[in-house]
Amino acid sequence: MRERSMLLVTLLAAILVTVVTTAVLVLVEPAAPRSEAVRTGALSGGAVIALYALWLNDRRRRIEEARHDLEGEKVADERFARSVELLGNDADQVRVGALHALAWLAGSTPRYKQTVLDVLCAYLRRPFEHPGLPDAAEASDATPQRDPVADREREVRLTAQRLITDLLPWGEDRDPRAYHLDLTGARLEHFRLEGRRIGRLTARGARFHGITRLSQLDAAKPVWLTDAVFSGRLDMRDARFHGGVSFRRATFGGEVALAGATVASFVDLTTAAPGTQVGTMRAEDGTRVEGAPGRWAVEALAP
C-alpha cells in the first residue's frame, strides 16, 4: 500500500516537474526550439522517477536483509535448542559434539556467548564422581579401578572446561564484555583461566583437582572461592582481582603461587593460610580485609 502511494506521488511529481521545466525553458528562451524544451522537461521528470526507483530498490534491499537476519536468528535459536537437548544424550560422542556446536554458535553469534558459557558451567555443576580423582583415590585403601562410564564422562567434562577457556577474551581480543562464570559446587580438573578477562567467578564449594591455573587472570567483578577445595597447586601469579576475592573457609592441599597478584575492593581470608606460598599478593589502598590474615603472604596487610 505504501509503495503504491509513493508511486502515485512520484508520477504526479514527475509530471509536474516536466511541465514546469518545459514552461520555464519556453519563457526564458522563446527563440529556442520547443522540442528541446520538451526533451529537457521530460529528462527532469525522468530523473524524479529514477530517484524513486533507487529509493525503492534500497528499501527492498533493507527489507530483504532484515528478513535474512530474522531467518538467521531463527536458525541459531533452533541450533541452540537442539544442542542443549543433545547434552542429555547417553553417548559421550554426541555430548562432545553438542558442546562444540554450542561453542561454534557462541563464536558466530555473539549474543549467545554468555548463554553458552552458562550452559557449559551448568554442565560442569552436574554431580560427578571418578575413582581417579585425587581425593577419591586417597579415600580408598585399594588402587582405584577404572570406570569406563566415568572415564567417558570425564573426557566430556574436560572438553567443556577447555571450551570455556577458549570462549573467554584474552590478549588482543577486543571483546569488551565481561563474561560471568558460575561453577558453584563443580568438580574441576586442571582448570585453566590464565590470561583470560572475566566478570564474576563464582566457585563456592567447588573442588579443584590437579593444577588450577589462574595466572594473569583479569577479573572485573568478585571472585568467590568460598568453601572451595584445592587438591593440587593453585597458580595465581600476576592475577588482578579488581572486584575482590574471597577465600573464606577454602582449603589448600598444595602450593599457592601469589607472586605479582593484586586485589582491590575486598579480600576475605577467613581460613587457614596455605602451607606453602610463593611470592606475595598486593592489596591496593582501601581494600577491605575480612578475617585474620595470619600467615597469608599479602603485602599491604603487614603492620
Protein backbone atom coordinates (compact mmCIF):
# COMPACT_ATOMS: atom_id res chain seq x y z
CA MET A 1 0.00 0.00 0.00
CA ARG A 2 2.81 2.37 0.89
CA GLU A 3 4.65 1.60 -2.34
CA ARG A 4 1.50 2.34 -4.38
CA SER A 5 1.05 5.68 -2.64
CA MET A 6 4.70 6.58 -3.20
CA LEU A 7 4.45 5.56 -6.86
CA LEU A 8 1.38 7.76 -7.38
CA VAL A 9 3.08 10.73 -5.69
CA THR A 10 6.23 10.16 -7.74
CA LEU A 11 4.30 10.08 -11.04
CA LEU A 12 2.47 13.28 -10.15
CA ALA A 13 5.76 14.91 -9.13
CA ALA A 14 7.42 13.80 -12.37
CA ILE A 15 4.57 15.23 -14.45
CA LEU A 16 4.69 18.48 -12.50
CA VAL A 17 8.48 18.76 -12.89
CA THR A 18 8.21 18.02 -16.61
CA VAL A 19 5.52 20.68 -17.17
CA VAL A 20 7.21 23.33 -15.02
CA THR A 21 10.64 22.74 -16.55
CA THR A 22 9.26 22.89 -20.09
CA ALA A 23 7.28 26.06 -19.33
CA VAL A 24 10.27 27.80 -17.76
CA LEU A 25 12.52 26.96 -20.72
CA VAL A 26 9.94 28.24 -23.20
CA LEU A 27 9.54 31.51 -21.26
CA VAL A 28 13.24 32.06 -20.70
CA GLU A 29 14.33 31.18 -24.25
CA PRO A 30 11.34 31.74 -26.54
CA ALA A 31 13.58 31.52 -29.61
CA ALA A 32 14.77 28.03 -28.80
CA PRO A 33 13.07 25.04 -30.44
CA ARG A 34 10.06 23.80 -28.48
CA SER A 35 11.23 20.21 -28.94
CA GLU A 36 14.42 20.92 -26.94
CA ALA A 37 12.38 22.37 -24.07
CA VAL A 38 10.07 19.36 -24.10
CA ARG A 39 13.02 16.96 -24.16
CA THR A 40 14.71 18.71 -21.23
CA GLY A 41 11.47 18.74 -19.25
CA ALA A 42 11.00 15.04 -19.92
CA LEU A 43 14.52 14.31 -18.70
CA SER A 44 13.82 16.24 -15.49
CA GLY A 45 10.64 14.22 -14.90
CA GLY A 46 12.53 11.02 -15.67
CA ALA A 47 15.14 11.95 -13.06
CA VAL A 48 12.37 12.07 -10.43
CA ILE A 49 11.20 8.60 -11.41
CA ALA A 50 14.81 7.33 -11.36
CA LEU A 51 15.26 8.64 -7.81
CA TYR A 52 12.08 6.82 -6.79
CA ALA A 53 13.39 3.60 -8.35
CA LEU A 54 16.66 3.93 -6.40
CA TRP A 55 14.74 4.51 -3.16
CA LEU A 56 12.50 1.53 -3.85
CA ASN A 57 15.45 -0.77 -4.56
CA ASP A 58 17.21 0.35 -1.38
CA ARG A 59 14.06 -0.20 0.67
CA ARG A 60 13.57 -3.69 -0.73
CA ARG A 61 17.22 -4.48 -0.07
CA ARG A 62 16.91 -3.43 3.58
CA ILE A 63 13.72 -5.45 3.95
CA GLU A 64 15.46 -8.48 2.47
CA GLU A 65 18.44 -8.04 4.79
CA ALA A 66 16.12 -7.77 7.80
CA ARG A 67 14.30 -10.91 6.68
CA HIS A 68 17.62 -12.71 6.23
CA ASP A 69 18.78 -11.64 9.71
CA LEU A 70 15.50 -12.83 11.19
CA GLU A 71 15.88 -16.20 9.47
CA GLY A 72 19.45 -16.39 10.75
CA GLU A 73 18.32 -15.73 14.31
CA LYS A 74 15.64 -18.39 13.96
CA VAL A 75 18.19 -20.93 12.72
CA ALA A 76 20.55 -20.00 15.59
CA ASP A 77 17.76 -20.42 18.13
CA GLU A 78 16.88 -23.83 16.73
CA ARG A 79 20.52 -24.93 16.69
CA PHE A 80 20.97 -23.79 20.30
CA ALA A 81 17.87 -25.65 21.47
CA ARG A 82 18.93 -28.79 19.62
CA SER A 83 22.48 -28.69 21.03
CA VAL A 84 21.24 -28.25 24.60
CA GLU A 85 18.90 -31.19 24.08
CA LEU A 86 21.79 -33.36 22.87
CA LEU A 87 23.74 -32.69 26.07
CA GLY A 88 21.41 -35.21 27.70
CA ASN A 89 22.25 -37.92 25.18
CA ASP A 90 23.67 -41.18 26.56
CA ALA A 91 26.53 -41.28 24.03
CA ASP A 92 29.59 -39.28 25.11
CA GLN A 93 30.49 -38.56 21.46
CA VAL A 94 27.13 -36.89 20.97
CA ARG A 95 27.59 -34.77 24.09
CA VAL A 96 31.04 -33.66 22.94
CA GLY A 97 29.60 -32.76 19.54
CA ALA A 98 26.85 -30.75 21.24
CA LEU A 99 29.43 -28.85 23.29
CA HIS A 100 31.40 -27.96 20.17
CA ALA A 101 28.20 -26.90 18.39
CA LEU A 102 27.41 -24.54 21.27
CA ALA A 103 30.93 -23.12 21.21
CA TRP A 104 30.67 -22.54 17.44
CA LEU A 105 27.35 -20.78 17.97
CA ALA A 106 28.88 -18.53 20.64
CA GLY A 107 31.67 -17.60 18.24
CA SER A 108 29.40 -16.90 15.26
CA THR A 109 26.54 -15.27 17.20
CA PRO A 110 27.96 -13.01 19.95
CA ARG A 111 24.59 -12.55 21.67
CA TYR A 112 24.76 -16.24 22.61
CA LYS A 113 28.20 -16.23 24.23
CA GLN A 114 27.13 -15.59 27.83
CA THR A 115 24.24 -18.03 27.45
CA VAL A 116 26.56 -20.73 26.08
CA LEU A 117 29.01 -20.12 28.93
CA ASP A 118 26.11 -20.51 31.36
CA VAL A 119 25.18 -23.85 29.77
CA LEU A 120 28.78 -25.12 29.87
CA CYS A 121 29.07 -24.13 33.53
CA ALA A 122 25.73 -25.78 34.29
CA TYR A 123 27.02 -29.00 32.71
CA LEU A 124 30.10 -28.89 34.96
CA ARG A 125 27.92 -28.34 38.02
CA ARG A 126 26.29 -31.74 37.48
CA PRO A 127 27.22 -34.33 40.13
CA PHE A 128 30.31 -36.27 39.09
CA GLU A 129 32.49 -38.90 40.73
CA HIS A 130 35.58 -40.55 39.34
CA PRO A 131 37.89 -43.06 41.08
CA GLY A 132 40.95 -41.42 39.53
CA LEU A 133 40.46 -38.02 41.14
CA PRO A 134 42.99 -37.37 43.93
CA ASP A 135 40.59 -37.19 46.88
CA ALA A 136 38.70 -40.28 45.68
CA ALA A 137 41.97 -42.21 45.32
CA GLU A 138 43.21 -41.20 48.76
CA ALA A 139 39.93 -42.17 50.39
CA SER A 140 40.28 -45.77 49.20
CA ASP A 141 42.80 -48.25 50.59
CA ALA A 142 42.99 -50.12 47.32
CA THR A 143 44.20 -48.84 43.97
CA PRO A 144 41.19 -47.24 42.27
CA GLN A 145 39.74 -49.27 39.45
CA ARG A 146 38.98 -47.78 36.08
CA ASP A 147 35.37 -46.89 35.46
CA PRO A 148 34.63 -46.78 31.70
CA VAL A 149 31.45 -44.76 32.12
CA ALA A 150 33.14 -42.25 34.41
CA ASP A 151 36.16 -42.11 32.06
CA ARG A 152 33.96 -41.11 29.14
CA GLU A 153 32.12 -38.51 31.19
CA ARG A 154 35.48 -37.19 32.38
CA GLU A 155 36.52 -36.53 28.78
CA VAL A 156 33.26 -34.70 28.09
CA ARG A 157 33.81 -32.50 31.15
CA LEU A 158 37.39 -31.74 30.18
CA THR A 159 36.07 -30.67 26.78
CA ALA A 160 33.57 -28.34 28.47
CA GLN A 161 36.37 -26.82 30.59
CA ARG A 162 38.56 -26.25 27.55
CA LEU A 163 35.75 -24.62 25.59
CA ILE A 164 35.02 -22.24 28.47
CA THR A 165 38.66 -21.18 28.42
CA ASP A 166 38.66 -20.78 24.64
CA LEU A 167 35.49 -18.65 24.61
CA LEU A 168 36.73 -16.07 27.12
CA PRO A 169 38.52 -12.98 25.74
CA TRP A 170 42.27 -12.70 26.21
CA GLY A 171 45.27 -10.95 24.73
CA GLU A 172 44.33 -8.68 21.82
CA ASP A 173 40.72 -9.86 21.70
CA ARG A 174 38.70 -6.60 21.60
CA ASP A 175 35.52 -8.09 23.05
CA PRO A 176 34.65 -5.50 25.76
CA ARG A 177 32.08 -7.60 27.59
CA ALA A 178 32.92 -9.14 30.98
CA TYR A 179 31.55 -12.68 30.98
CA HIS A 180 30.46 -14.34 34.22
CA LEU A 181 31.10 -17.93 35.28
CA ASP A 182 29.04 -19.83 37.85
CA LEU A 183 30.83 -23.03 38.87
CA THR A 184 29.24 -23.43 42.28
CA GLY A 185 29.86 -26.94 43.59
CA ALA A 186 31.54 -28.08 40.37
CA ARG A 187 34.30 -30.68 40.25
CA LEU A 188 37.07 -29.35 38.05
CA GLU A 189 40.30 -30.94 36.91
CA HIS A 190 43.34 -28.96 35.76
CA PHE A 191 41.09 -25.92 35.38
CA ARG A 192 42.64 -23.08 33.37
CA LEU A 193 41.74 -19.40 33.16
CA GLU A 194 45.21 -17.95 32.78
CA GLY A 195 45.32 -14.64 30.92
CA ARG A 196 41.53 -14.51 30.49
CA ARG A 197 39.32 -11.49 31.14
CA ILE A 198 36.14 -12.25 33.04
CA GLY A 199 33.45 -10.53 35.05
CA ARG A 200 32.39 -12.56 38.09
CA LEU A 201 33.68 -16.02 39.01
CA THR A 202 31.50 -17.92 41.48
CA ALA A 203 33.04 -21.19 42.61
CA ARG A 204 31.57 -21.64 46.08
CA GLY A 205 32.07 -25.20 47.27
CA ALA A 206 33.89 -26.17 44.06
CA ARG A 207 36.56 -28.88 44.16
CA PHE A 208 39.67 -28.23 42.09
CA HIS A 209 41.82 -31.25 41.25
CA GLY A 210 45.29 -31.09 39.79
CA ILE A 211 46.90 -27.72 38.98
CA THR A 212 44.47 -24.80 38.90
CA ARG A 213 45.85 -22.06 36.68
CA LEU A 214 44.55 -18.54 37.33
CA SER A 215 47.77 -16.70 36.49
CA GLN A 216 47.27 -13.30 34.78
CA LEU A 217 43.53 -13.62 35.24
CA ASP A 218 41.79 -10.23 34.98
CA ALA A 219 38.55 -10.32 36.99
CA ALA A 220 36.42 -7.15 36.89
CA LYS A 221 33.90 -8.50 39.45
CA PRO A 222 34.31 -10.50 42.67
CA VAL A 223 35.88 -13.96 42.63
CA TRP A 224 34.09 -16.20 45.14
CA LEU A 225 36.17 -19.21 46.24
CA THR A 226 34.23 -19.67 49.48
CA ASP A 227 34.39 -23.30 50.75
CA ALA A 228 36.43 -24.29 47.70
CA VAL A 229 38.87 -27.18 47.97
CA PHE A 230 42.15 -27.13 46.04
CA SER A 231 43.68 -30.60 45.97
CA GLY A 232 46.67 -29.52 43.92
CA ARG A 233 48.69 -26.41 43.17
CA LEU A 234 46.91 -23.05 42.79
CA ASP A 235 48.68 -20.62 40.46
CA MET A 236 47.51 -17.00 40.80
CA ARG A 237 50.68 -15.23 39.68
CA ASP A 238 50.07 -11.74 38.25
CA ALA A 239 46.29 -12.16 38.58
CA ARG A 240 44.23 -8.97 39.02
CA PHE A 241 41.16 -9.22 41.24
CA HIS A 242 39.60 -5.79 40.67
CA GLY A 243 36.31 -6.76 42.34
CA GLY A 244 37.85 -8.57 45.29
CA VAL A 245 38.38 -12.22 46.16
CA SER A 246 37.04 -14.49 48.91
CA PHE A 247 38.97 -17.48 50.31
CA ARG A 248 36.53 -17.91 53.21
CA ARG A 249 36.77 -21.50 54.55
CA ALA A 250 38.74 -22.58 51.47
CA THR A 251 41.28 -25.36 51.94
CA PHE A 252 44.57 -25.83 50.13
CA GLY A 253 46.26 -29.16 49.62
CA GLY A 254 49.21 -27.85 47.64
CA GLU A 255 51.35 -24.83 46.90
CA VAL A 256 49.72 -21.44 46.25
CA ALA A 257 51.61 -19.06 43.94
CA LEU A 258 50.78 -15.40 44.69
CA ALA A 259 53.71 -13.55 43.11
CA GLY A 260 52.59 -10.36 41.38
CA ALA A 261 48.88 -10.83 42.15
CA THR A 262 46.86 -7.75 43.15
CA VAL A 263 43.47 -7.40 44.82
CA ALA A 264 41.15 -4.42 45.25
CA SER A 265 37.78 -3.79 46.92
CA PHE A 266 37.98 -6.65 49.46
CA VAL A 267 39.81 -9.81 50.38
CA ASP A 268 38.35 -12.45 52.69
CA LEU A 269 40.99 -14.54 54.43
CA THR A 270 38.75 -16.29 56.94
CA THR A 271 40.59 -19.59 56.61
CA ALA A 272 43.93 -21.18 57.40
CA ALA A 273 46.76 -19.92 55.21
CA PRO A 274 48.22 -22.34 52.65
CA GLY A 275 51.15 -24.39 53.89
CA THR A 276 53.37 -23.23 51.04
CA GLN A 277 53.10 -19.79 49.43
CA VAL A 278 55.29 -18.48 46.63
CA GLY A 279 55.57 -14.69 46.40
CA THR A 280 53.10 -12.21 47.85
CA MET A 281 49.76 -10.71 46.85
CA ARG A 282 49.45 -6.92 46.97
CA ALA A 283 46.26 -5.40 48.38
CA GLU A 284 45.58 -1.98 46.87
CA ASP A 285 44.82 1.05 49.04
CA GLY A 286 41.32 0.97 50.52
CA THR A 287 40.96 -2.80 50.20
CA ARG A 288 38.68 -4.18 52.92
CA VAL A 289 40.18 -7.11 54.79
CA GLU A 290 37.96 -9.73 56.38
CA GLY A 291 39.15 -12.44 58.71
CA ALA A 292 42.52 -12.81 60.42
CA PRO A 293 45.38 -12.53 57.90
CA GLY A 294 47.62 -14.79 59.99
CA ARG A 295 50.37 -16.22 57.82
CA TRP A 296 48.91 -15.09 54.49
CA ALA A 297 51.51 -13.50 52.23
CA VAL A 298 49.56 -10.35 51.44
CA GLU A 299 51.85 -7.34 51.30
CA ALA A 300 49.57 -4.48 52.34
CA LEU A 301 48.43 -6.36 55.45
CA ALA A 302 51.81 -6.24 57.12
CA PRO A 303 51.78 -3.97 60.20
